[in-house]
């Protein structure tokens, strides 16, 4: 990855901008976790059947893709900081809106807005993250994703507390929004702008605009999709599996996603050191095996705590794979790493788009035990693709200026 040659800003300003963006990732993780761990609560409130649930869940990543593309146009007219300052508080308000309605059309409207805003939020946050990384001259993106995981832990814990005390969605989501919105507005004051980033965002955009071949990236794209299919299955259906399949109390069922996010955070905190010590291939292969084992434990679980253990083990495994996909894309196309990362990130949405209806439909046709076998098999499909994480120097293709 090329580092911006613009003059370095005073360290305190960059540190404040980095901390503010980490807060933004944290708030997004909290908001997202609150929504996905309360899916069963939303079903009850709105009378949403299991047959319609996959349709509603699939619409969110589709609209997120639309929001992500739209944000690129908005950023060109304003700045990533300007878009993020508006979109994040709006997303938090949409969370409150999701808990206030009682009819299906109201839920559809709220989830539609949530999808559009979360796509724009994800894009603008990562644009700022890439710009800051250019200014720092070293990798700092994993730290932002760790902040997202920490927010996910807080969100899942709040959802579990809400279920235990039977607060109801209006109070839970509304109360959370009352805290999240002001926090987003305060953090927005310190987001990086032209003074901190210089030409970093423009340089990243110029790199992303270069035409690069798709073919060498396709194995990594498949890995990204498989990993996010697994992630979507946990975020959207782990709580329902425990409540409907394992007959767990709702407050206990929330710990399935909480355990998953705790494992993700712990795994990401040591992931870079594990790669440095053992190299990337053993880490990816071990992570794949651990993730598949987590699914197997969940599928065979005789009760709620065993199911929670399975999803926690899955988190330890999958957390090692997703960041390394981005790193492998950068190694594969070192002269256009930002463009490679942008293409790989598209398959984040592909994974979510496939994962939600896949598990939901299979559960409707059989049960959740059989449904979770599908993402488990797709995770195992990462094993034969593992060599693409560390291509031999001679196999690394040169950047192509011609269309792929």
Protein backbone atom coordinates (compact mmCIF):
# COMPACT_ATOMS: atom_id res chain seq x y z
CA UNK A 1 0.00 0.00 0.00
CA UNK A 2 1.35 3.37 -0.92
CA UNK A 3 1.70 5.93 1.84
CA UNK A 4 0.64 9.51 1.29
CA UNK A 5 3.54 11.84 0.76
CA UNK A 6 1.61 14.83 2.10
CA UNK A 7 3.24 16.55 5.08
CA UNK A 8 2.48 14.79 8.34
CA UNK A 9 0.06 16.54 10.63
CA UNK A 10 0.77 17.00 14.35
CA UNK A 11 0.42 13.63 16.07
CA UNK A 12 -2.31 14.76 18.54
CA UNK A 13 -4.69 15.71 15.68
CA UNK A 14 -4.24 12.36 13.99
CA UNK A 15 -4.65 10.52 17.28
CA UNK A 16 -7.89 12.38 17.99
CA UNK A 17 -9.19 11.61 14.49
CA UNK A 18 -8.26 7.95 14.88
CA UNK A 19 -9.93 7.73 18.30
CA UNK A 20 -13.08 9.41 16.95
CA UNK A 21 -13.31 6.93 14.09
CA UNK A 22 -12.79 4.04 16.51
CA UNK A 23 -15.76 5.40 18.49
CA UNK A 24 -17.76 5.44 15.25
CA UNK A 25 -16.95 1.78 14.61
CA UNK A 26 -17.87 1.00 18.23
CA UNK A 27 -21.24 2.74 17.88
CA UNK A 28 -21.96 0.89 14.65
CA UNK A 29 -21.17 -2.44 16.32
CA UNK A 30 -23.49 -1.61 19.21
CA UNK A 31 -26.33 -0.55 16.90
CA UNK A 32 -25.98 -3.59 14.63
CA UNK A 33 -25.80 -6.05 17.55
CA UNK A 34 -28.91 -4.59 19.16
CA UNK A 35 -30.84 -5.07 15.94
CA UNK A 36 -29.75 -8.61 15.05
CA UNK A 37 -30.03 -10.03 18.58
CA UNK A 38 -33.63 -8.79 18.82
CA UNK A 39 -34.92 -10.42 15.63
CA UNK A 40 -37.18 -12.78 17.56
CA UNK A 41 -38.55 -9.81 19.53
CA UNK A 42 -39.30 -7.98 16.28
CA UNK A 43 -41.06 -11.05 14.91
CA UNK A 44 -43.37 -11.14 17.91
CA UNK A 45 -44.04 -7.39 17.88
CA UNK A 46 -44.82 -7.20 14.17
CA UNK A 47 -46.27 -10.69 13.61
CA UNK A 48 -43.52 -11.56 11.12
CA UNK A 49 -43.62 -15.23 10.15
CA UNK A 50 -40.55 -17.44 9.77
CA UNK A 51 -41.39 -17.73 6.06
CA UNK A 52 -41.25 -13.95 5.52
CA UNK A 53 -38.24 -13.38 7.78
CA UNK A 54 -35.59 -14.34 5.16
CA UNK A 55 -37.17 -11.86 2.71
CA UNK A 56 -36.92 -9.01 5.20
CA UNK A 57 -33.37 -9.94 6.18
CA UNK A 58 -32.22 -10.28 2.55
CA UNK A 59 -33.49 -6.79 1.76
CA UNK A 60 -31.09 -5.21 4.27
CA UNK A 61 -27.79 -6.14 2.50
CA UNK A 62 -29.30 -5.33 -0.91
CA UNK A 63 -30.18 -1.83 0.25
CA UNK A 64 -26.84 -1.59 2.05
CA UNK A 65 -25.14 -2.08 -1.29
CA UNK A 66 -27.27 0.73 -2.74
CA UNK A 67 -26.36 2.95 0.20
CA UNK A 68 -22.68 2.16 -0.20
CA UNK A 69 -22.69 3.09 -3.90
CA UNK A 70 -24.71 6.25 -3.22
CA UNK A 71 -22.29 7.35 -0.53
CA UNK A 72 -19.42 7.33 -3.02
CA UNK A 73 -21.24 9.99 -5.05
CA UNK A 74 -22.02 12.00 -1.93
CA UNK A 75 -18.41 11.85 -0.75
CA UNK A 76 -17.23 13.25 -4.07
CA UNK A 77 -19.57 16.23 -3.63
CA UNK A 78 -18.81 16.75 0.06
CA UNK A 79 -16.39 14.68 2.18
CA UNK A 80 -16.42 11.30 3.88
CA UNK A 81 -16.45 13.17 7.18
CA UNK A 82 -19.54 15.13 6.13
CA UNK A 83 -21.44 11.99 5.09
CA UNK A 84 -20.49 10.11 8.26
CA UNK A 85 -21.54 13.00 10.50
CA UNK A 86 -25.08 12.84 9.09
CA UNK A 87 -25.49 9.11 8.45
CA UNK A 88 -24.44 7.72 11.83
CA UNK A 89 -26.88 9.69 14.00
CA UNK A 90 -29.60 8.96 11.43
CA UNK A 91 -28.85 5.23 11.69
CA UNK A 92 -29.18 5.36 15.47
CA UNK A 93 -32.55 7.11 15.11
CA UNK A 94 -33.63 4.40 12.67
CA UNK A 95 -32.90 1.81 15.36
CA UNK A 96 -35.40 3.59 17.61
CA UNK A 97 -37.90 3.72 14.75
CA UNK A 98 -37.59 -0.07 14.33
CA UNK A 99 -38.86 -0.58 17.86
CA UNK A 100 -41.82 1.78 17.69
CA UNK A 101 -44.07 0.33 14.99
CA UNK A 102 -46.59 -2.50 15.12
CA UNK A 103 -47.37 -3.23 11.45
CA UNK A 104 -45.33 -5.06 8.83
CA UNK A 105 -45.12 -2.08 6.46
CA UNK A 106 -43.63 -0.04 9.30
CA UNK A 107 -41.00 -2.72 9.91
CA UNK A 108 -40.25 -2.90 6.19
CA UNK A 109 -39.78 0.87 6.05
CA UNK A 110 -37.56 0.92 9.14
CA UNK A 111 -35.37 -1.98 7.95
CA UNK A 112 -35.15 -0.44 4.49
CA UNK A 113 -33.87 2.83 5.94
CA UNK A 114 -31.52 0.88 8.19
CA UNK A 115 -30.05 -0.97 5.19
CA UNK A 116 -29.50 2.20 3.14
CA UNK A 117 -27.90 4.02 6.05
CA UNK A 118 -25.70 1.16 7.22
CA UNK A 119 -24.27 0.80 3.70
CA UNK A 120 -23.46 4.50 3.53
CA UNK A 121 -22.04 4.35 7.06
CA UNK A 122 -19.83 1.37 6.29
CA UNK A 123 -18.45 2.99 3.14
CA UNK A 124 -17.75 6.40 4.68
CA UNK A 125 -16.14 4.90 7.79
CA UNK A 126 -13.82 2.73 5.75
CA UNK A 127 -12.94 5.65 3.46
CA UNK A 128 -11.83 7.63 6.50
CA UNK A 129 -10.02 4.57 7.84
CA UNK A 130 -8.09 4.10 4.59
CA UNK A 131 -7.20 7.79 4.55
CA UNK A 132 -5.91 7.66 8.12
CA UNK A 133 -3.97 4.50 7.38
CA UNK A 134 -2.26 6.30 4.49
CA UNK A 135 -1.26 9.11 6.82
CA UNK A 136 -0.02 6.74 9.51
CA UNK A 137 1.94 4.70 7.00
CA UNK A 138 1.08 1.41 8.73
CA UNK A 139 -1.87 -0.89 9.24
CA UNK A 140 -4.44 0.44 11.72
CA UNK A 141 -7.64 -0.94 10.17
CA UNK A 142 -7.77 -4.08 12.34
CA UNK A 143 -8.05 -1.85 15.39
CA UNK A 144 -11.16 -0.21 13.97
CA UNK A 145 -12.76 -3.60 13.36
CA UNK A 146 -11.84 -4.62 16.91
CA UNK A 147 -13.76 -1.53 18.09
CA UNK A 148 -16.75 -2.79 16.06
CA UNK A 149 -16.48 -6.16 17.83
CA UNK A 150 -16.36 -4.43 21.22
CA UNK A 151 -19.50 -2.50 20.28
CA UNK A 152 -21.13 -5.76 19.29
CA UNK A 153 -20.42 -7.16 22.74
CA UNK A 154 -22.03 -4.13 24.39
CA UNK A 155 -25.05 -4.27 22.07
CA UNK A 156 -25.61 -7.98 22.66
CA UNK A 157 -25.24 -7.51 26.42
CA UNK A 158 -27.82 -4.70 26.37
CA UNK A 159 -30.20 -6.91 24.39
CA UNK A 160 -29.74 -9.74 26.91
CA UNK A 161 -30.43 -7.34 29.78
CA UNK A 162 -33.51 -6.03 27.98
CA UNK A 163 -34.82 -9.57 27.50
CA UNK A 164 -34.13 -10.45 31.15
CA UNK A 165 -35.97 -7.39 32.46
CA UNK A 166 -38.61 -7.52 29.70
CA UNK A 167 -38.11 -3.87 28.78
CA UNK A 168 -39.72 -4.16 25.33
CA UNK A 169 -38.34 -2.88 22.05
CA UNK A 170 -39.57 0.74 22.33
CA UNK A 171 -37.69 1.29 25.60
CA UNK A 172 -34.64 -0.79 24.65
CA UNK A 173 -34.10 0.71 21.19
CA UNK A 174 -35.29 4.17 22.16
CA UNK A 175 -33.10 4.28 25.25
CA UNK A 176 -30.10 3.07 23.29
CA UNK A 177 -30.68 5.69 20.59
CA UNK A 178 -30.90 8.39 23.26
CA UNK A 179 -27.29 7.57 24.16
CA UNK A 180 -25.95 6.63 20.73
CA UNK A 181 -27.12 9.74 18.88
CA UNK A 182 -25.35 12.26 21.17
CA UNK A 183 -22.24 10.05 21.22
CA UNK A 184 -22.20 10.01 17.40
CA UNK A 185 -22.61 13.79 17.26
CA UNK A 186 -19.74 14.35 19.71
CA UNK A 187 -17.41 11.89 17.93
CA UNK A 188 -18.24 13.59 14.62
CA UNK A 189 -16.57 16.79 15.78
CA UNK A 190 -13.18 15.07 15.63
CA UNK A 191 -13.45 13.04 12.41
CA UNK A 192 -10.54 13.44 10.03
CA UNK A 193 -10.95 16.07 7.34
CA UNK A 194 -8.69 17.64 4.69
CA UNK A 195 -6.45 19.17 7.36
CA UNK A 196 -5.66 15.74 8.80
CA UNK A 197 -5.83 13.60 5.66
CA UNK A 198 -4.27 15.90 3.07
CA UNK A 199 -4.45 14.10 -0.29
CA UNK A 200 -4.76 10.63 1.24
CA UNK A 201 -8.41 10.06 0.31
CA UNK A 202 -7.90 11.42 -3.20
CA UNK A 203 -4.88 9.16 -3.68
CA UNK A 204 -6.83 6.13 -2.43
CA UNK A 205 -9.70 6.95 -4.79
CA UNK A 206 -7.28 7.29 -7.71
CA UNK A 207 -5.84 3.87 -6.93
CA UNK A 208 -9.30 2.35 -6.65
CA UNK A 209 -10.22 3.77 -10.04
CA UNK A 210 -7.40 1.89 -11.78
CA UNK A 211 -8.49 -1.12 -13.75
CA UNK A 212 -7.26 -4.39 -12.29
CA UNK A 213 -7.93 -8.00 -13.31
CA UNK A 214 -10.70 -9.88 -11.51
CA UNK A 215 -9.39 -13.41 -12.14
CA UNK A 216 -6.58 -13.54 -9.53
CA UNK A 217 -8.94 -12.15 -6.89
CA UNK A 218 -11.78 -14.62 -7.45
CA UNK A 219 -10.56 -17.30 -4.95
CA UNK A 220 -10.27 -14.64 -2.25
CA UNK A 221 -13.68 -13.26 -3.21
CA UNK A 222 -15.12 -16.73 -2.66
CA UNK A 223 -13.46 -16.97 0.76
CA UNK A 224 -14.87 -13.58 1.72
CA UNK A 225 -18.37 -14.64 0.68
CA UNK A 226 -18.14 -17.96 2.55
CA UNK A 227 -16.87 -16.22 5.71
CA UNK A 228 -19.66 -13.65 5.65
CA UNK A 229 -22.29 -16.32 4.97
CA UNK A 230 -21.12 -17.86 8.23
CA UNK A 231 -21.18 -14.47 9.95
CA UNK A 232 -24.68 -13.67 8.66
CA UNK A 233 -25.99 -17.03 9.82
CA UNK A 234 -24.82 -16.30 13.37
CA UNK A 235 -25.92 -12.67 13.50
CA UNK A 236 -29.38 -13.38 12.08
CA UNK A 237 -30.24 -16.85 13.36
CA UNK A 238 -28.16 -17.88 16.38
CA UNK A 239 -30.69 -16.40 18.82
CA UNK A 240 -33.62 -17.97 16.95
CA UNK A 241 -31.85 -21.34 16.94
CA UNK A 242 -31.46 -21.24 20.71
CA UNK A 243 -35.04 -20.09 21.37
CA UNK A 244 -36.88 -22.13 18.73
CA UNK A 245 -34.55 -25.12 18.31
CA UNK A 246 -33.03 -25.55 21.77
CA UNK A 247 -35.95 -24.02 23.72
CA UNK A 248 -33.72 -21.57 25.53
CA UNK A 249 -35.07 -18.56 27.48
CA UNK A 250 -34.74 -15.40 25.41
CA UNK A 251 -32.34 -13.64 27.78
CA UNK A 252 -29.98 -16.62 27.70
CA UNK A 253 -30.29 -16.96 23.92
CA UNK A 254 -28.85 -13.45 23.46
CA UNK A 255 -25.54 -14.81 24.77
CA UNK A 256 -25.05 -16.76 21.54
CA UNK A 257 -24.18 -13.59 19.64
CA UNK A 258 -22.46 -12.09 22.68
CA UNK A 259 -20.12 -15.07 22.94
CA UNK A 260 -19.45 -14.90 19.21
CA UNK A 261 -18.48 -11.22 19.40
CA UNK A 262 -16.31 -11.70 22.50
CA UNK A 263 -14.41 -14.42 20.67
CA UNK A 264 -14.05 -12.19 17.62
CA UNK A 265 -12.59 -9.39 19.75
CA UNK A 266 -10.16 -11.66 21.58
CA UNK A 267 -9.10 -13.34 18.35
CA UNK A 268 -8.48 -10.04 16.59
CA UNK A 269 -6.42 -8.78 19.51
CA UNK A 270 -3.85 -11.56 18.96
CA UNK A 271 -4.36 -12.23 15.25
CA UNK A 272 -1.53 -10.07 13.93
CA UNK A 273 0.96 -11.63 16.35
CA UNK A 274 -0.19 -15.13 15.40
CA UNK A 275 0.43 -14.40 11.71
CA UNK A 276 3.87 -12.97 12.49
CA UNK A 277 4.81 -16.04 14.49
CA UNK A 278 3.24 -18.86 12.49
CA UNK A 279 2.76 -17.25 9.01
CA UNK A 280 -0.58 -16.76 7.32
CA UNK A 281 -1.32 -20.24 5.92
CA UNK A 282 -1.34 -22.11 9.26
CA UNK A 283 -3.44 -19.33 10.81
CA UNK A 284 -6.04 -19.44 8.02
CA UNK A 285 -6.20 -23.23 7.95
CA UNK A 286 -6.46 -23.48 11.73
CA UNK A 287 -9.08 -20.74 11.81
CA UNK A 288 -11.12 -22.56 9.16
CA UNK A 289 -10.99 -25.83 11.09
CA UNK A 290 -11.94 -24.09 14.34
CA UNK A 291 -14.84 -22.27 12.67
CA UNK A 292 -16.19 -25.53 11.20
CA UNK A 293 -15.81 -27.20 14.60
CA UNK A 294 -17.81 -24.36 16.14
CA UNK A 295 -20.65 -24.95 13.70
CA UNK A 296 -20.52 -28.68 14.42
CA UNK A 297 -20.74 -28.08 18.17
CA UNK A 298 -23.74 -25.79 17.63
CA UNK A 299 -25.46 -28.28 15.31
CA UNK A 300 -25.03 -31.16 17.78
CA UNK A 301 -25.73 -29.07 20.88
CA UNK A 302 -28.06 -30.80 23.36
CA UNK A 303 -28.90 -27.53 25.10
CA UNK A 304 -28.48 -23.77 25.14
CA UNK A 305 -25.06 -23.55 26.78
CA UNK A 306 -23.57 -26.01 24.29
CA UNK A 307 -25.03 -23.92 21.46
CA UNK A 308 -23.49 -20.78 22.94
CA UNK A 309 -20.15 -22.60 23.19
CA UNK A 310 -20.39 -23.59 19.53
CA UNK A 311 -20.98 -20.03 18.32
CA UNK A 312 -18.17 -18.77 20.57
CA UNK A 313 -15.75 -21.30 19.07
CA UNK A 314 -16.94 -20.24 15.61
CA UNK A 315 -16.05 -16.62 16.44
CA UNK A 316 -12.50 -17.60 17.36
CA UNK A 317 -12.10 -19.33 14.01
CA UNK A 318 -13.74 -16.87 11.62
CA UNK A 319 -12.03 -13.78 13.07
CA UNK A 320 -8.67 -14.97 11.72
CA UNK A 321 -9.95 -15.36 8.18
CA UNK A 322 -11.72 -12.12 7.25
CA UNK A 323 -8.85 -9.64 7.91
CA UNK A 324 -6.39 -11.94 6.14
CA UNK A 325 -8.51 -11.89 2.98
CA UNK A 326 -7.89 -8.14 2.72
CA UNK A 327 -4.20 -8.58 3.51
CA UNK A 328 -3.87 -11.30 0.85
CA UNK A 329 -5.54 -9.05 -1.73
CA UNK A 330 -2.97 -6.36 -0.97
CA UNK A 331 -0.10 -8.83 -1.40
CA UNK A 332 -1.57 -10.15 -4.62
CA UNK A 333 -1.84 -6.70 -6.23
CA UNK A 334 0.68 -4.58 -4.29
CA UNK A 335 0.47 -1.65 -6.73
CA UNK A 336 -3.32 -1.39 -6.39
CA UNK A 337 -4.05 -2.73 -2.93
CA UNK A 338 -6.86 -0.25 -2.28
CA UNK A 339 -8.65 -1.29 -5.46
CA UNK A 340 -8.22 -4.95 -4.50
CA UNK A 341 -9.64 -4.32 -1.03
CA UNK A 342 -12.61 -2.42 -2.49
CA UNK A 343 -13.46 -5.36 -4.76
CA UNK A 344 -13.09 -7.91 -1.99
CA UNK A 345 -15.32 -5.86 0.29
CA UNK A 346 -18.20 -6.22 -2.20
CA UNK A 347 -18.35 -9.89 -1.24
CA UNK A 348 -19.09 -8.90 2.32
CA UNK A 349 -22.56 -7.90 1.02
CA UNK A 350 -22.73 -11.00 -1.19
CA UNK A 351 -22.18 -13.17 1.87
CA UNK A 352 -24.86 -11.42 3.87
CA UNK A 353 -27.26 -11.51 0.93
CA UNK A 354 -26.85 -15.28 0.56
CA UNK A 355 -26.43 -16.22 4.21
CA UNK A 356 -29.68 -14.83 5.61
CA UNK A 357 -32.14 -16.45 3.16
CA UNK A 358 -30.04 -19.64 2.91
CA UNK A 359 -30.27 -20.50 6.60
CA UNK A 360 -33.81 -19.17 6.95
CA UNK A 361 -35.14 -21.15 4.01
CA UNK A 362 -33.43 -24.39 5.06
CA UNK A 363 -34.75 -23.94 8.60
CA UNK A 364 -38.26 -23.48 7.21
CA UNK A 365 -37.91 -26.68 5.14
CA UNK A 366 -36.34 -28.78 7.92
CA UNK A 367 -34.96 -27.31 11.16
CA UNK A 368 -32.10 -25.10 12.34
CA UNK A 369 -29.71 -28.00 12.98
CA UNK A 370 -29.77 -28.96 9.31
CA UNK A 371 -29.82 -25.31 8.26
CA UNK A 372 -26.52 -24.56 10.00
CA UNK A 373 -24.88 -27.48 8.18
CA UNK A 374 -24.91 -25.40 4.97
CA UNK A 375 -22.64 -22.56 6.23
CA UNK A 376 -20.47 -25.17 7.95
CA UNK A 377 -19.80 -26.88 4.61
CA UNK A 378 -19.10 -23.53 2.94
CA UNK A 379 -16.58 -22.70 5.66
CA UNK A 380 -14.83 -26.02 4.99
CA UNK A 381 -14.64 -25.01 1.32
CA UNK A 382 -12.11 -22.36 2.40
CA UNK A 383 -9.49 -25.06 3.10
CA UNK A 384 -8.63 -25.84 -0.55
CA UNK A 385 -8.52 -22.07 -1.24
CA UNK A 386 -6.04 -21.38 1.57
CA UNK A 387 -2.92 -21.40 -0.68
CA UNK A 388 -4.21 -18.22 -2.34
CA UNK A 389 -3.53 -16.34 0.89
CA UNK A 390 0.22 -16.60 0.31
CA UNK A 391 0.93 -16.80 -3.44
CA UNK A 392 4.47 -17.42 -4.54
CA UNK A 393 6.23 -14.27 -5.79
CA UNK A 394 6.37 -15.64 -9.31
CA UNK A 395 2.63 -16.25 -9.27
CA UNK A 396 1.72 -12.71 -8.34
CA UNK A 397 0.33 -11.10 -11.46
CA UNK A 398 1.41 -7.67 -12.51
CA UNK A 399 -1.15 -4.91 -12.45
CA UNK A 400 -3.04 -4.87 -15.72
CA UNK A 401 -4.02 -1.60 -17.35
CA UNK A 402 -6.34 -3.37 -19.74
CA UNK A 403 -9.89 -4.36 -18.82
CA UNK A 404 -10.17 -7.61 -16.86
